[in-house]
PDB file of N, CA and C in Angstrom:
ATOM      1  N   MET A   1     -41.837 362.317 155.753  1.00  0.00           N
ATOM      2  CA  MET A   1     -40.983 362.499 156.903  1.00  0.00           C
ATOM      3  C   MET A   1     -41.860 362.882 158.081  1.00  0.00           C
ATOM      4  N   SER A   2     -41.658 362.216 159.146  1.00  0.00           N
ATOM      5  CA  SER A   2     -42.477 362.433 160.333  1.00  0.00           C
ATOM      6  C   SER A   2     -42.004 363.655 161.106  1.00  0.00           C
ATOM      7  N   HIS A   3     -42.960 364.347 161.675  1.00  0.00           N
ATOM      8  CA  HIS A   3     -42.650 365.510 162.513  1.00  0.00           C
ATOM      9  C   HIS A   3     -41.747 365.091 163.667  1.00  0.00           C
ATOM     10  N   ASP A   4     -41.976 363.914 164.231  1.00  0.00           N
ATOM     11  CA  ASP A   4     -41.174 363.441 165.355  1.00  0.00           C
ATOM     12  C   ASP A   4     -39.710 363.295 164.970  1.00  0.00           C
ATOM     13  N   VAL A   5     -39.440 362.806 163.772  1.00  0.00           N
ATOM     14  CA  VAL A   5     -38.056 362.634 163.321  1.00  0.00           C
ATOM     15  C   VAL A   5     -37.386 363.997 163.182  1.00  0.00           C
ATOM     16  N   LEU A   6     -38.077 364.953 162.563  1.00  0.00           N
ATOM     17  CA  LEU A   6     -37.515 366.292 162.423  1.00  0.00           C
ATOM     18  C   LEU A   6     -37.246 366.925 163.785  1.00  0.00           C
ATOM     19  N   GLU A   7     -38.214 366.813 164.678  1.00  0.00           N
ATOM     20  CA  GLU A   7     -38.075 367.397 166.009  1.00  0.00           C
ATOM     21  C   GLU A   7     -36.908 366.759 166.766  1.00  0.00           C
ATOM     22  N   ALA A   8     -36.800 365.444 166.697  1.00  0.00           N
ATOM     23  CA  ALA A   8     -35.720 364.745 167.400  1.00  0.00           C
ATOM     24  C   ALA A   8     -34.351 365.152 166.865  1.00  0.00           C
ATOM     25  N   ALA A   9     -34.297 365.521 165.593  1.00  0.00           N
ATOM     26  CA  ALA A   9     -33.031 365.935 164.983  1.00  0.00           C
ATOM     27  C   ALA A   9     -32.734 367.413 165.223  1.00  0.00           C
ATOM     28  N   GLY A  10     -33.637 368.107 165.867  1.00  0.00           N
ATOM     29  CA  GLY A  10     -33.432 369.523 166.139  1.00  0.00           C
ATOM     30  C   GLY A  10     -33.763 370.435 164.972  1.00  0.00           C
ATOM     31  N   VAL A  11     -34.540 369.932 164.039  1.00  0.00           N
ATOM     32  CA  VAL A  11     -34.934 370.716 162.870  1.00  0.00           C
ATOM     33  C   VAL A  11     -36.124 371.588 163.250  1.00  0.00           C
ATOM     34  N   THR A  12     -36.055 372.863 162.908  1.00  0.00           N
ATOM     35  CA  THR A  12     -37.127 373.788 163.280  1.00  0.00           C
ATOM     36  C   THR A  12     -38.103 374.057 162.147  1.00  0.00           C
ATOM     37  N   THR A  13     -37.792 373.612 160.938  1.00  0.00           N
ATOM     38  CA  THR A  13     -38.699 373.795 159.811  1.00  0.00           C
ATOM     39  C   THR A  13     -39.952 372.946 160.035  1.00  0.00           C
ATOM     40  N   PRO A  14     -41.139 373.518 159.836  1.00  0.00           N
ATOM     41  CA  PRO A  14     -42.356 372.699 159.971  1.00  0.00           C
ATOM     42  C   PRO A  14     -42.328 371.500 159.010  1.00  0.00           C
ATOM     43  N   ALA A  15     -42.719 370.353 159.520  1.00  0.00           N
ATOM     44  CA  ALA A  15     -42.712 369.132 158.710  1.00  0.00           C
ATOM     45  C   ALA A  15     -43.544 369.296 157.449  1.00  0.00           C
ATOM     46  N   ALA A  16     -44.628 370.065 157.515  1.00  0.00           N
ATOM     47  CA  ALA A  16     -45.484 370.260 156.341  1.00  0.00           C
ATOM     48  C   ALA A  16     -44.724 370.905 155.188  1.00  0.00           C
ATOM     49  N   VAL A  17     -43.767 371.769 155.490  1.00  0.00           N
ATOM     50  CA  VAL A  17     -42.978 372.423 154.445  1.00  0.00           C
ATOM     51  C   VAL A  17     -42.084 371.400 153.744  1.00  0.00           C
ATOM     52  N   VAL A  18     -41.379 370.595 154.518  1.00  0.00           N
ATOM     53  CA  VAL A  18     -40.501 369.580 153.948  1.00  0.00           C
ATOM     54  C   VAL A  18     -41.316 368.577 153.142  1.00  0.00           C
ATOM     55  N   GLU A  19     -42.459 368.177 153.673  1.00  0.00           N
ATOM     56  CA  GLU A  19     -43.297 367.190 152.989  1.00  0.00           C
ATOM     57  C   GLU A  19     -43.854 367.722 151.676  1.00  0.00           C
ATOM     58  N   ILE A  20     -44.297 368.979 151.630  1.00  0.00           N
ATOM     59  CA  ILE A  20     -44.869 369.499 150.382  1.00  0.00           C
ATOM     60  C   ILE A  20     -43.778 369.700 149.336  1.00  0.00           C
ATOM     61  N   LEU A  21     -42.548 369.992 149.777  1.00  0.00           N
ATOM     62  CA  LEU A  21     -41.441 370.084 148.818  1.00  0.00           C
ATOM     63  C   LEU A  21     -41.176 368.725 148.181  1.00  0.00           C
ATOM     64  N   HIS A  22     -41.214 367.672 148.980  1.00  0.00           N
ATOM     65  CA  HIS A  22     -41.039 366.325 148.419  1.00  0.00           C
ATOM     66  C   HIS A  22     -42.186 365.979 147.464  1.00  0.00           C
ATOM     67  N   GLU A  23     -43.392 366.347 147.847  1.00  0.00           N
ATOM     68  CA  GLU A  23     -44.557 366.086 146.994  1.00  0.00           C
ATOM     69  C   GLU A  23     -44.444 366.851 145.673  1.00  0.00           C
ATOM     70  N   ALA A  24     -44.013 368.097 145.732  1.00  0.00           N
ATOM     71  CA  ALA A  24     -43.841 368.898 144.516  1.00  0.00           C
ATOM     72  C   ALA A  24     -42.743 368.309 143.633  1.00  0.00           C
ATOM     73  N   GLU A  25     -41.687 367.814 144.252  1.00  0.00           N
ATOM     74  CA  GLU A  25     -40.616 367.170 143.479  1.00  0.00           C
ATOM     75  C   GLU A  25     -41.148 365.954 142.717  1.00  0.00           C
ATOM     76  N   ARG A  26     -41.904 365.108 143.411  1.00  0.00           N
ATOM     77  CA  ARG A  26     -42.445 363.905 142.764  1.00  0.00           C
ATOM     78  C   ARG A  26     -43.416 364.266 141.650  1.00  0.00           C
ATOM     79  N   ALA A  27     -44.291 365.228 141.904  1.00  0.00           N
ATOM     80  CA  ALA A  27     -45.270 365.630 140.891  1.00  0.00           C
ATOM     81  C   ALA A  27     -44.589 366.250 139.680  1.00  0.00           C
ATOM     82  N   SER A  28     -43.552 367.029 139.916  1.00  0.00           N
ATOM     83  CA  SER A  28     -42.827 367.678 138.823  1.00  0.00           C
ATOM     84  C   SER A  28     -42.101 366.651 137.963  1.00  0.00           C
ATOM     85  N   THR A  29     -41.472 365.689 138.603  1.00  0.00           N
ATOM     86  CA  THR A  29     -40.756 364.649 137.864  1.00  0.00           C
ATOM     87  C   THR A  29     -41.729 363.801 137.044  1.00  0.00           C
ATOM     88  N   ALA A  30     -42.838 363.423 137.650  1.00  0.00           N
ATOM     89  CA  ALA A  30     -43.835 362.609 136.950  1.00  0.00           C
ATOM     90  C   ALA A  30     -44.428 363.364 135.764  1.00  0.00           C
ATOM     91  N   CYS A  31     -44.729 364.635 135.970  1.00  0.00           N
ATOM     92  CA  CYS A  31     -45.313 365.427 134.895  1.00  0.00           C
ATOM     93  C   CYS A  31     -44.310 365.619 133.766  1.00  0.00           C
ATOM     94  N   ALA A  32     -43.060 365.902 134.102  1.00  0.00           N
ATOM     95  CA  ALA A  32     -42.030 366.062 133.067  1.00  0.00           C
ATOM     96  C   ALA A  32     -41.915 364.798 132.233  1.00  0.00           C
ATOM     97  N   SER A  33     -41.931 363.662 132.891  1.00  0.00           N
ATOM     98  CA  SER A  33     -41.847 362.387 132.176  1.00  0.00           C
ATOM     99  C   SER A  33     -43.036 362.194 131.243  1.00  0.00           C
ATOM    100  N   ALA A  34     -44.224 362.510 131.730  1.00  0.00           N
ATOM    101  CA  ALA A  34     -45.432 362.385 130.904  1.00  0.00           C
ATOM    102  C   ALA A  34     -45.400 363.359 129.735  1.00  0.00           C
ATOM    103  N   MET A  35     -44.896 364.567 129.964  1.00  0.00           N
ATOM    104  CA  MET A  35     -44.834 365.560 128.888  1.00  0.00           C
ATOM    105  C   MET A  35     -43.837 365.146 127.814  1.00  0.00           C
ATOM    106  N   VAL A  36     -42.734 364.525 128.213  1.00  0.00           N
ATOM    107  CA  VAL A  36     -41.776 364.035 127.227  1.00  0.00           C
ATOM    108  C   VAL A  36     -42.468 363.014 126.325  1.00  0.00           C
ATOM    109  N   GLY A  37     -43.270 362.161 126.928  1.00  0.00           N
ATOM    110  CA  GLY A  37     -44.007 361.161 126.156  1.00  0.00           C
ATOM    111  C   GLY A  37     -45.021 361.782 125.214  1.00  0.00           C
ATOM    112  N   ALA A  38     -45.642 362.872 125.636  1.00  0.00           N
ATOM    113  CA  ALA A  38     -46.639 363.543 124.804  1.00  0.00           C
ATOM    114  C   ALA A  38     -45.981 364.346 123.684  1.00  0.00           C
ATOM    115  N   GLY A  39     -44.801 364.850 123.945  1.00  0.00           N
ATOM    116  CA  GLY A  39     -44.060 365.616 122.942  1.00  0.00           C
ATOM    117  C   GLY A  39     -44.536 367.051 122.827  1.00  0.00           C
ATOM    118  N   GLY A  40     -43.650 367.905 122.325  1.00  0.00           N
ATOM    119  CA  GLY A  40     -44.017 369.269 122.003  1.00  0.00           C
ATOM    120  C   GLY A  40     -44.129 370.241 123.158  1.00  0.00           C
ATOM    121  N   MET A  41     -43.685 369.874 124.346  1.00  0.00           N
ATOM    122  CA  MET A  41     -43.809 370.771 125.497  1.00  0.00           C
ATOM    123  C   MET A  41     -42.441 370.979 126.142  1.00  0.00           C
ATOM    124  N   GLU A  42     -41.448 371.342 125.358  1.00  0.00           N
ATOM    125  CA  GLU A  42     -40.069 371.441 125.851  1.00  0.00           C
ATOM    126  C   GLU A  42     -39.938 372.438 126.999  1.00  0.00           C
ATOM    127  N   ARG A  43     -40.515 373.610 126.860  1.00  0.00           N
ATOM    128  CA  ARG A  43     -40.403 374.622 127.914  1.00  0.00           C
ATOM    129  C   ARG A  43     -41.009 374.115 129.220  1.00  0.00           C
ATOM    130  N   GLU A  44     -42.168 373.502 129.134  1.00  0.00           N
ATOM    131  CA  GLU A  44     -42.838 372.993 130.326  1.00  0.00           C
ATOM    132  C   GLU A  44     -42.039 371.877 130.987  1.00  0.00           C
ATOM    133  N   VAL A  45     -41.443 371.019 130.157  1.00  0.00           N
ATOM    134  CA  VAL A  45     -40.611 369.938 130.692  1.00  0.00           C
ATOM    135  C   VAL A  45     -39.430 370.525 131.459  1.00  0.00           C
ATOM    136  N   LEU A  46     -38.767 371.507 130.859  1.00  0.00           N
ATOM    137  CA  LEU A  46     -37.607 372.117 131.512  1.00  0.00           C
ATOM    138  C   LEU A  46     -37.996 372.811 132.813  1.00  0.00           C
ATOM    139  N   LEU A  47     -39.115 373.507 132.814  1.00  0.00           N
ATOM    140  CA  LEU A  47     -39.583 374.155 134.047  1.00  0.00           C
ATOM    141  C   LEU A  47     -39.915 373.127 135.123  1.00  0.00           C
ATOM    142  N   ALA A  48     -40.540 372.027 134.723  1.00  0.00           N
ATOM    143  CA  ALA A  48     -40.878 370.973 135.688  1.00  0.00           C
ATOM    144  C   ALA A  48     -39.620 370.332 136.257  1.00  0.00           C
ATOM    145  N   LEU A  49     -38.617 370.112 135.430  1.00  0.00           N
ATOM    146  CA  LEU A  49     -37.367 369.525 135.919  1.00  0.00           C
ATOM    147  C   LEU A  49     -36.627 370.491 136.847  1.00  0.00           C
ATOM    148  N   ASP A  50     -36.622 371.782 136.494  1.00  0.00           N
ATOM    149  CA  ASP A  50     -36.037 372.781 137.398  1.00  0.00           C
ATOM    150  C   ASP A  50     -36.767 372.764 138.734  1.00  0.00           C
ATOM    151  N   CYS A  51     -38.078 372.706 138.681  1.00  0.00           N
ATOM    152  CA  CYS A  51     -38.891 372.690 139.887  1.00  0.00           C
ATOM    153  C   CYS A  51     -38.558 371.466 140.746  1.00  0.00           C
ATOM    154  N   ALA A  52     -38.482 370.299 140.112  1.00  0.00           N
ATOM    155  CA  ALA A  52     -38.159 369.077 140.849  1.00  0.00           C
ATOM    156  C   ALA A  52     -36.805 369.200 141.537  1.00  0.00           C
ATOM    157  N   ASP A  53     -35.811 369.674 140.811  1.00  0.00           N
ATOM    158  CA  ASP A  53     -34.465 369.785 141.381  1.00  0.00           C
ATOM    159  C   ASP A  53     -34.404 370.796 142.528  1.00  0.00           C
ATOM    160  N   LEU A  54     -35.046 371.952 142.339  1.00  0.00           N
ATOM    161  CA  LEU A  54     -34.990 372.982 143.373  1.00  0.00           C
ATOM    162  C   LEU A  54     -35.810 372.610 144.604  1.00  0.00           C
ATOM    163  N   CYS A  55     -36.927 371.925 144.401  1.00  0.00           N
ATOM    164  CA  CYS A  55     -37.712 371.452 145.549  1.00  0.00           C
ATOM    165  C   CYS A  55     -36.941 370.391 146.324  1.00  0.00           C
ATOM    166  N   SER A  56     -36.267 369.506 145.605  1.00  0.00           N
ATOM    167  CA  SER A  56     -35.468 368.478 146.257  1.00  0.00           C
ATOM    168  C   SER A  56     -34.347 369.100 147.079  1.00  0.00           C
ATOM    169  N   ALA A  57     -33.656 370.068 146.490  1.00  0.00           N
ATOM    170  CA  ALA A  57     -32.560 370.726 147.207  1.00  0.00           C
ATOM    171  C   ALA A  57     -33.080 371.476 148.434  1.00  0.00           C
ATOM    172  N   ALA A  58     -34.177 372.199 148.271  1.00  0.00           N
ATOM    173  CA  ALA A  58     -34.741 372.947 149.398  1.00  0.00           C
ATOM    174  C   ALA A  58     -35.192 371.999 150.505  1.00  0.00           C
ATOM    175  N   ALA A  59     -35.807 370.880 150.145  1.00  0.00           N
ATOM    176  CA  ALA A  59     -36.242 369.909 151.158  1.00  0.00           C
ATOM    177  C   ALA A  59     -35.043 369.366 151.931  1.00  0.00           C
ATOM    178  N   ARG A  60     -33.945 369.120 151.232  1.00  0.00           N
ATOM    179  CA  ARG A  60     -32.750 368.622 151.924  1.00  0.00           C
ATOM    180  C   ARG A  60     -32.178 369.679 152.858  1.00  0.00           C
ATOM    181  N   VAL A  61     -32.101 370.932 152.394  1.00  0.00           N
ATOM    182  CA  VAL A  61     -31.565 372.011 153.228  1.00  0.00           C
ATOM    183  C   VAL A  61     -32.456 372.231 154.449  1.00  0.00           C
ATOM    184  N   LEU A  62     -33.765 372.294 154.228  1.00  0.00           N
ATOM    185  CA  LEU A  62     -34.690 372.582 155.322  1.00  0.00           C
ATOM    186  C   LEU A  62     -34.938 371.382 156.230  1.00  0.00           C
ATOM    187  N   GLY A  63     -34.647 370.192 155.738  1.00  0.00           N
ATOM    188  CA  GLY A  63     -34.871 368.975 156.518  1.00  0.00           C
ATOM    189  C   GLY A  63     -33.755 368.645 157.474  1.00  0.00           C
ATOM    190  N   ARG A  64     -32.828 369.568 157.622  1.00  0.00           N
ATOM    191  CA  ARG A  64     -31.751 369.392 158.598  1.00  0.00           C
ATOM    192  C   ARG A  64     -31.541 370.726 159.317  1.00  0.00           C
ATOM    193  N   ARG A  65     -30.825 370.684 160.377  1.00  0.00           N
ATOM    194  CA  ARG A  65     -30.476 371.935 161.045  1.00  0.00           C
ATOM    195  C   ARG A  65     -29.529 372.682 160.123  1.00  0.00           C
ATOM    196  N   HIS A  66     -29.749 373.959 159.988  1.00  0.00           N
ATOM    197  CA  HIS A  66     -28.880 374.736 159.099  1.00  0.00           C
ATOM    198  C   HIS A  66     -28.233 375.868 159.875  1.00  0.00           C
ATOM    199  N   GLY A  67     -27.016 376.191 159.481  1.00  0.00           N
ATOM    200  CA  GLY A  67     -26.270 377.197 160.200  1.00  0.00           C
ATOM    201  C   GLY A  67     -26.385 378.584 159.612  1.00  0.00           C
ATOM    202  N   ASP A  68     -26.906 378.682 158.410  1.00  0.00           N
ATOM    203  CA  ASP A  68     -26.961 379.984 157.760  1.00  0.00           C
ATOM    204  C   ASP A  68     -28.376 380.248 157.276  1.00  0.00           C
ATOM    205  N   GLU A  69     -29.051 381.148 157.949  1.00  0.00           N
ATOM    206  CA  GLU A  69     -30.440 381.477 157.608  1.00  0.00           C
ATOM    207  C   GLU A  69     -30.564 382.007 156.184  1.00  0.00           C
ATOM    208  N   ALA A  70     -29.554 382.747 155.715  1.00  0.00           N
ATOM    209  CA  ALA A  70     -29.606 383.303 154.356  1.00  0.00           C
ATOM    210  C   ALA A  70     -29.622 382.179 153.317  1.00  0.00           C
ATOM    211  N   VAL A  71     -28.882 381.124 153.568  1.00  0.00           N
ATOM    212  CA  VAL A  71     -28.865 379.982 152.646  1.00  0.00           C
ATOM    213  C   VAL A  71     -30.231 379.304 152.639  1.00  0.00           C
ATOM    214  N   ALA A  72     -30.810 379.113 153.806  1.00  0.00           N
ATOM    215  CA  ALA A  72     -32.135 378.490 153.897  1.00  0.00           C
ATOM    216  C   ALA A  72     -33.175 379.349 153.181  1.00  0.00           C
ATOM    217  N   ARG A  73     -33.133 380.661 153.384  1.00  0.00           N
ATOM    218  CA  ARG A  73     -34.077 381.565 152.708  1.00  0.00           C
ATOM    219  C   ARG A  73     -33.896 381.511 151.196  1.00  0.00           C
ATOM    220  N   ALA A  74     -32.645 381.451 150.736  1.00  0.00           N
ATOM    221  CA  ALA A  74     -32.384 381.376 149.294  1.00  0.00           C
ATOM    222  C   ALA A  74     -32.932 380.077 148.706  1.00  0.00           C
ATOM    223  N   ALA A  75     -32.796 378.982 149.436  1.00  0.00           N
ATOM    224  CA  ALA A  75     -33.321 377.698 148.968  1.00  0.00           C
ATOM    225  C   ALA A  75     -34.841 377.752 148.859  1.00  0.00           C
ATOM    226  N   VAL A  76     -35.477 378.340 149.856  1.00  0.00           N
ATOM    227  CA  VAL A  76     -36.940 378.474 149.847  1.00  0.00           C
ATOM    228  C   VAL A  76     -37.376 379.378 148.698  1.00  0.00           C
ATOM    229  N   GLU A  77     -36.701 380.489 148.519  1.00  0.00           N
ATOM    230  CA  GLU A  77     -37.048 381.436 147.452  1.00  0.00           C
ATOM    231  C   GLU A  77     -36.918 380.779 146.083  1.00  0.00           C
ATOM    232  N   ALA A  78     -35.818 380.051 145.859  1.00  0.00           N
ATOM    233  CA  ALA A  78     -35.608 379.393 144.568  1.00  0.00           C
ATOM    234  C   ALA A  78     -36.696 378.350 144.307  1.00  0.00           C
ATOM    235  N   ALA A  79     -37.019 377.545 145.305  1.00  0.00           N
ATOM    236  CA  ALA A  79     -38.063 376.527 145.146  1.00  0.00           C
ATOM    237  C   ALA A  79     -39.418 377.173 144.900  1.00  0.00           C
ATOM    238  N   MET A  80     -39.697 378.253 145.623  1.00  0.00           N
ATOM    239  CA  MET A  80     -40.979 378.947 145.465  1.00  0.00           C
ATOM    240  C   MET A  80     -41.122 379.507 144.047  1.00  0.00           C
ATOM    241  N   LEU A  81     -40.084 380.163 143.556  1.00  0.00           N
ATOM    242  CA  LEU A  81     -40.132 380.714 142.193  1.00  0.00           C
ATOM    243  C   LEU A  81     -40.281 379.618 141.137  1.00  0.00           C
ATOM    244  N   ALA A  82     -39.564 378.513 141.333  1.00  0.00           N
ATOM    245  CA  ALA A  82     -39.669 377.394 140.386  1.00  0.00           C
ATOM    246  C   ALA A  82     -41.065 376.783 140.416  1.00  0.00           C
ATOM    247  N   CYS A  83     -41.645 376.661 141.602  1.00  0.00           N
ATOM    248  CA  CYS A  83     -43.004 376.128 141.722  1.00  0.00           C
ATOM    249  C   CYS A  83     -44.004 377.044 141.021  1.00  0.00           C
ATOM    250  N   GLU A  84     -43.868 378.345 141.225  1.00  0.00           N
ATOM    251  CA  GLU A  84     -44.793 379.289 140.591  1.00  0.00           C
ATOM    252  C   GLU A  84     -44.691 379.230 139.072  1.00  0.00           C
ATOM    253  N   ALA A  85     -43.478 379.202 138.553  1.00  0.00           N
ATOM    254  CA  ALA A  85     -43.290 379.173 137.100  1.00  0.00           C
ATOM    255  C   ALA A  85     -43.818 377.873 136.500  1.00  0.00           C
ATOM    256  N   SER A  86     -43.504 376.772 137.141  1.00  0.00           N
ATOM    257  CA  SER A  86     -43.935 375.477 136.620  1.00  0.00           C
ATOM    258  C   SER A  86     -45.443 375.304 136.745  1.00  0.00           C
ATOM    259  N   SER A  87     -46.013 375.782 137.841  1.00  0.00           N
ATOM    260  CA  SER A  87     -47.458 375.700 138.016  1.00  0.00           C
ATOM    261  C   SER A  87     -48.189 376.477 136.932  1.00  0.00           C
ATOM    262  N   ALA A  88     -47.702 377.670 136.638  1.00  0.00           N
ATOM    263  CA  ALA A  88     -48.336 378.489 135.602  1.00  0.00           C
ATOM    264  C   ALA A  88     -48.221 377.824 134.233  1.00  0.00           C
ATOM    265  N   ALA A  89     -47.052 377.302 133.916  1.00  0.00           N
ATOM    266  CA  ALA A  89     -46.841 376.678 132.606  1.00  0.00           C
ATOM    267  C   ALA A  89     -47.702 375.433 132.437  1.00  0.00           C
ATOM    268  N   CYS A  90     -47.723 374.581 133.455  1.00  0.00           N
ATOM    269  CA  CYS A  90     -48.522 373.354 133.347  1.00  0.00           C
ATOM    270  C   CYS A  90     -50.003 373.631 133.508  1.00  0.00           C
ATOM    271  N   GLY A  91     -50.326 374.686 134.226  1.00  0.00           N
ATOM    272  CA  GLY A  91     -51.730 375.043 134.379  1.00  0.00           C
ATOM    273  C   GLY A  91     -52.396 375.333 133.056  1.00  0.00           C
ATOM    274  N   ALA A  92     -51.623 375.810 132.092  1.00  0.00           N
ATOM    275  CA  ALA A  92     -52.158 376.085 130.761  1.00  0.00           C
ATOM    276  C   ALA A  92     -52.588 374.806 130.038  1.00  0.00           C
ATOM    277  N   HIS A  93     -52.086 373.659 130.500  1.00  0.00           N
ATOM    278  CA  HIS A  93     -52.426 372.365 129.873  1.00  0.00           C
ATOM    279  C   HIS A  93     -53.335 371.517 130.762  1.00  0.00           C
ATOM    280  N   ALA A  94     -53.766 372.092 131.873  1.00  0.00           N
ATOM    281  CA  ALA A  94     -54.527 371.326 132.863  1.00  0.00           C
ATOM    282  C   ALA A  94     -55.827 370.748 132.304  1.00  0.00           C
ATOM    283  N   GLY A  95     -56.429 371.426 131.346  1.00  0.00           N
ATOM    284  CA  GLY A  95     -57.669 370.935 130.760  1.00  0.00           C
ATOM    285  C   GLY A  95     -57.482 369.749 129.832  1.00  0.00           C
ATOM    286  N   HIS A  96     -56.255 369.539 129.385  1.00  0.00           N
ATOM    287  CA  HIS A  96     -55.982 368.469 128.426  1.00  0.00           C
ATOM    288  C   HIS A  96     -55.209 367.293 129.017  1.00  0.00           C
ATOM    289  N   HIS A  97     -54.458 367.553 130.082  1.00  0.00           N
ATOM    290  CA  HIS A  97     -53.599 366.511 130.656  1.00  0.00           C
ATOM    291  C   HIS A  97     -53.801 366.457 132.168  1.00  0.00           C
ATOM    292  N   GLU A  98     -54.203 365.321 132.667  1.00  0.00           N
ATOM    293  CA  GLU A  98     -54.414 365.140 134.105  1.00  0.00           C
ATOM    294  C   GLU A  98     -53.117 365.343 134.878  1.00  0.00           C
ATOM    295  N   HIS A  99     -52.000 364.883 134.331  1.00  0.00           N
ATOM    296  CA  HIS A  99     -50.727 365.045 135.039  1.00  0.00           C
ATOM    297  C   HIS A  99     -50.375 366.525 135.180  1.00  0.00           C
ATOM    298  N   CYS A 100     -50.706 367.332 134.178  1.00  0.00           N
ATOM    299  CA  CYS A 100     -50.452 368.773 134.273  1.00  0.00           C
ATOM    300  C   CYS A 100     -51.371 369.428 135.305  1.00  0.00           C
ATOM    301  N   ARG A 101     -52.610 368.984 135.357  1.00  0.00           N
ATOM    302  CA  ARG A 101     -53.543 369.543 136.339  1.00  0.00           C
ATOM    303  C   ARG A 101     -53.054 369.272 137.751  1.00  0.00           C
ATOM    304  N   ARG A 102     -52.706 368.012 138.011  1.00  0.00           N
ATOM    305  CA  ARG A 102     -52.263 367.646 139.364  1.00  0.00           C
ATOM    306  C   ARG A 102     -50.944 368.341 139.715  1.00  0.00           C
ATOM    307  N   HIS A 103     -50.028 368.361 138.770  1.00  0.00           N
ATOM    308  CA  HIS A 103     -48.739 369.013 138.989  1.00  0.00           C
ATOM    309  C   HIS A 103     -48.938 370.503 139.270  1.00  0.00           C
ATOM    310  N   SER A 104     -49.778 371.143 138.485  1.00  0.00           N
ATOM    311  CA  SER A 104     -50.037 372.567 138.665  1.00  0.00           C
ATOM    312  C   SER A 104     -50.627 372.851 140.046  1.00  0.00           C
ATOM    313  N   GLU A 105     -51.560 372.031 140.476  1.00  0.00           N
ATOM    314  CA  GLU A 105     -52.178 372.218 141.796  1.00  0.00           C
ATOM    315  C   GLU A 105     -51.165 372.039 142.925  1.00  0.00           C
ATOM    316  N   ILE A 106     -50.380 370.983 142.846  1.00  0.00           N
ATOM    317  CA  ILE A 106     -49.422 370.683 143.914  1.00  0.00           C
ATOM    318  C   ILE A 106     -48.355 371.770 143.998  1.00  0.00           C
ATOM    319  N   THR A 107     -47.826 372.193 142.854  1.00  0.00           N
ATOM    320  CA  THR A 107     -46.781 373.217 142.891  1.00  0.00           C
ATOM    321  C   THR A 107     -47.349 374.583 143.287  1.00  0.00           C
ATOM    322  N   ARG A 108     -48.590 374.855 142.923  1.00  0.00           N
ATOM    323  CA  ARG A 108     -49.237 376.102 143.371  1.00  0.00           C
ATOM    324  C   ARG A 108     -49.372 376.092 144.891  1.00  0.00           C
ATOM    325  N   ASP A 109     -49.815 374.954 145.444  1.00  0.00           N
ATOM    326  CA  ASP A 109     -49.952 374.840 146.899  1.00  0.00           C
ATOM    327  C   ASP A 109     -48.600 374.942 147.598  1.00  0.00           C
ATOM    328  N   ALA A 110     -47.586 374.332 146.996  1.00  0.00           N
ATOM    329  CA  ALA A 110     -46.235 374.395 147.582  1.00  0.00           C
ATOM    330  C   ALA A 110     -45.740 375.830 147.601  1.00  0.00           C
ATOM    331  N   ALA A 111     -45.910 376.543 146.490  1.00  0.00           N
ATOM    332  CA  ALA A 111     -45.464 377.939 146.424  1.00  0.00           C
ATOM    333  C   ALA A 111     -46.187 378.783 147.465  1.00  0.00           C
ATOM    334  N   ALA A 112     -47.470 378.548 147.632  1.00  0.00           N
ATOM    335  CA  ALA A 112     -48.242 379.320 148.611  1.00  0.00           C
ATOM    336  C   ALA A 112     -47.740 379.050 150.029  1.00  0.00           C
ATOM    337  N   LEU A 113     -47.478 377.789 150.354  1.00  0.00           N
ATOM    338  CA  LEU A 113     -46.991 377.459 151.691  1.00  0.00           C
ATOM    339  C   LEU A 113     -45.596 378.053 151.914  1.00  0.00           C
ATOM    340  N   LEU A 114     -44.741 377.980 150.908  1.00  0.00           N
ATOM    341  CA  LEU A 114     -43.405 378.556 151.042  1.00  0.00           C
ATOM    342  C   LEU A 114     -43.486 380.071 151.229  1.00  0.00           C
ATOM    343  N   ARG A 115     -44.369 380.723 150.484  1.00  0.00           N
ATOM    344  CA  ARG A 115     -44.534 382.174 150.626  1.00  0.00           C
ATOM    345  C   ARG A 115     -45.025 382.501 152.043  1.00  0.00           C
ATOM    346  N   GLU A 116     -45.966 381.700 152.535  1.00  0.00           N
ATOM    347  CA  GLU A 116     -46.510 381.893 153.883  1.00  0.00           C
ATOM    348  C   GLU A 116     -45.434 381.723 154.953  1.00  0.00           C
ATOM    349  N   GLN A 117     -44.481 380.825 154.690  1.00  0.00           N
ATOM    350  CA  GLN A 117     -43.415 380.558 155.653  1.00  0.00           C
ATOM    351  C   GLN A 117     -42.299 381.600 155.588  1.00  0.00           C
ATOM    352  N   GLY A 118     -42.486 382.600 154.736  1.00  0.00           N
ATOM    353  CA  GLY A 118     -41.503 383.680 154.699  1.00  0.00           C
ATOM    354  C   GLY A 118     -40.582 383.667 153.508  1.00  0.00           C
ATOM    355  N   GLY A 119     -40.981 382.959 152.450  1.00  0.00           N
ATOM    356  CA  GLY A 119     -40.120 382.874 151.276  1.00  0.00           C
ATOM    357  C   GLY A 119     -40.231 384.060 150.343  1.00  0.00           C
ATOM    358  N   GLY A 120     -41.058 385.005 150.631  1.00  0.00           N
ATOM    359  CA  GLY A 120     -41.094 386.150 149.712  1.00  0.00           C
ATOM    360  C   GLY A 120     -42.318 386.892 149.775  1.00  0.00           C
TER     361      GLY A 120
END
C-alpha cells in the first residue's frame, strides 16, 4: 500500500506499519502451511495462524480512518502479542526450517515496530 493512497484517504497510520502487518500476515500463513506439511508442530501452526489473522485485522483497522483510538490500540496490541508469540515459537525451529527463520524474523520486526508505534 502506497503512502500516497493512505494520505489521500486521510489515514494517519504510517504506511510502514500497515505494510509490515501485511508482510507478517503473508509470512505467518506461508510458514503455517509449510509446518502442516512437515507435521508435528501443531502449537506453532496455531500461533502462526493466530498471528496471520490478527495482523490482517490490525492492518485493515489501521489502514483506514478510525473513530475510536481504543479500538485501534487494541488491534495493535493483539497483533503485537501474536507476532511476539509466533516469532518465539518459530524461532526455536529457525535452524532447521528456512520458513520458520524468515517468519520469526518478520514477525519479530513487526512486533518491534508496533511496540515503537505505541502498542505497549
